[in-house]
Amino acid sequence: MPVDMVALEKAIKRAFEVTHLHIEDQSSGCGDNYAIILVSEAFEGKSTLARHRMINELLKDQIAQMHAFSQKTYTPKQWEELQAKK
């Protein structure tokens, strides 16, 4: 069963104070492969591994239905620095 992008967005926004969220269906619309970029204050002081575990726990039911899931997580400060480099 395909995972709905709107359901992913709602779940993330309920659990985190989101500064920036980008969700990309990389499976040509079949809902089988998603990549997300999430910027949140909730990641402040946490390692990348801890951040990814937070997302994986939140979305464990949806991720179990996917072929692939990738994520990039940033604090607002990290995101600003990344955008300034572009």
Protein backbone atom coordinates (compact mmCIF):
# COMPACT_ATOMS: atom_id res chain seq x y z
CA MET A 1 0.00 0.00 0.00
CA PRO A 2 1.52 3.36 -1.00
CA VAL A 3 2.38 5.89 1.66
CA ASP A 4 0.60 9.21 1.29
CA MET A 5 2.79 12.34 1.28
CA VAL A 6 0.11 14.36 3.07
CA ALA A 7 -0.03 11.79 5.88
CA LEU A 8 3.77 12.01 6.27
CA GLU A 9 3.61 15.79 6.43
CA LYS A 10 0.82 15.78 9.02
CA ALA A 11 2.60 13.25 11.23
CA ILE A 12 5.84 15.24 11.16
CA LYS A 13 4.14 18.58 11.82
CA ARG A 14 2.19 17.11 14.76
CA ALA A 15 5.37 15.82 16.38
CA PHE A 16 7.86 18.61 15.66
CA GLU A 17 7.94 22.37 15.58
CA VAL A 18 8.89 22.63 11.93
CA THR A 19 10.96 25.50 10.57
CA HIS A 20 11.29 23.93 7.11
CA LEU A 21 10.00 20.68 5.66
CA HIS A 22 10.51 19.32 2.17
CA ILE A 23 9.13 15.91 1.24
CA GLU A 24 9.97 14.41 -2.14
CA ASP A 25 8.38 11.31 -3.58
CA GLN A 26 11.32 9.80 -5.46
CA SER A 27 9.27 6.89 -6.80
CA SER A 28 7.48 8.76 -9.60
CA GLY A 29 4.30 9.06 -7.58
CA CYS A 30 3.81 5.51 -6.34
CA GLY A 31 4.61 6.42 -2.70
CA ASP A 32 7.30 3.80 -2.31
CA ASN A 33 10.42 5.97 -1.90
CA TYR A 34 10.56 9.26 0.00
CA ALA A 35 13.30 11.71 0.89
CA ILE A 36 12.74 14.41 3.48
CA ILE A 37 14.55 17.49 4.67
CA LEU A 38 13.41 18.57 8.11
CA VAL A 39 14.57 21.65 10.01
CA SER A 40 13.48 21.90 13.64
CA GLU A 41 14.56 23.34 16.98
CA ALA A 42 13.92 19.85 18.37
CA PHE A 43 17.26 18.76 16.89
CA GLU A 44 19.30 21.27 18.86
CA GLY A 45 22.06 19.50 20.78
CA LYS A 46 21.27 16.09 19.26
CA SER A 47 23.55 14.01 17.06
CA THR A 48 22.52 13.08 13.53
CA LEU A 49 21.92 9.52 14.71
CA ALA A 50 19.62 10.70 17.52
CA ARG A 51 17.70 12.92 15.10
CA HIS A 52 17.22 10.09 12.63
CA ARG A 53 16.08 7.77 15.39
CA MET A 54 13.44 10.36 16.38
CA ILE A 55 12.11 10.45 12.81
CA ASN A 56 12.32 6.68 12.36
CA GLU A 57 10.36 6.10 15.57
CA LEU A 58 7.71 8.63 14.59
CA LEU A 59 7.27 7.23 11.07
CA LYS A 60 7.99 3.56 11.76
CA ASP A 61 4.62 2.34 10.42
CA GLN A 62 4.94 4.37 7.22
CA ILE A 63 8.62 3.50 6.70
CA ALA A 64 7.78 -0.21 7.02
CA GLN A 65 5.57 0.17 3.92
CA MET A 66 8.27 1.91 1.83
CA HIS A 67 11.00 0.54 -0.36
CA ALA A 68 13.35 3.40 0.61
CA PHE A 69 13.37 6.40 2.94
CA SER A 70 16.09 8.99 3.35
CA GLN A 71 16.27 11.97 5.62
CA LYS A 72 18.34 15.04 6.26
CA THR A 73 17.81 16.81 9.56
CA TYR A 74 19.06 20.23 10.57
CA THR A 75 18.72 22.79 13.31
CA PRO A 76 17.56 26.22 12.11
CA LYS A 77 21.11 27.56 12.52
CA GLN A 78 22.58 24.71 10.46
CA TRP A 79 19.94 25.27 7.78
CA GLU A 80 20.70 29.01 7.60
CA GLU A 81 24.42 28.28 7.23
CA LEU A 82 23.73 25.71 4.51
CA GLN A 83 21.49 28.13 2.59
CA ALA A 84 24.08 30.92 2.91
CA LYS A 85 26.66 28.69 1.18
CA LYS A 86 24.42 28.22 -1.87
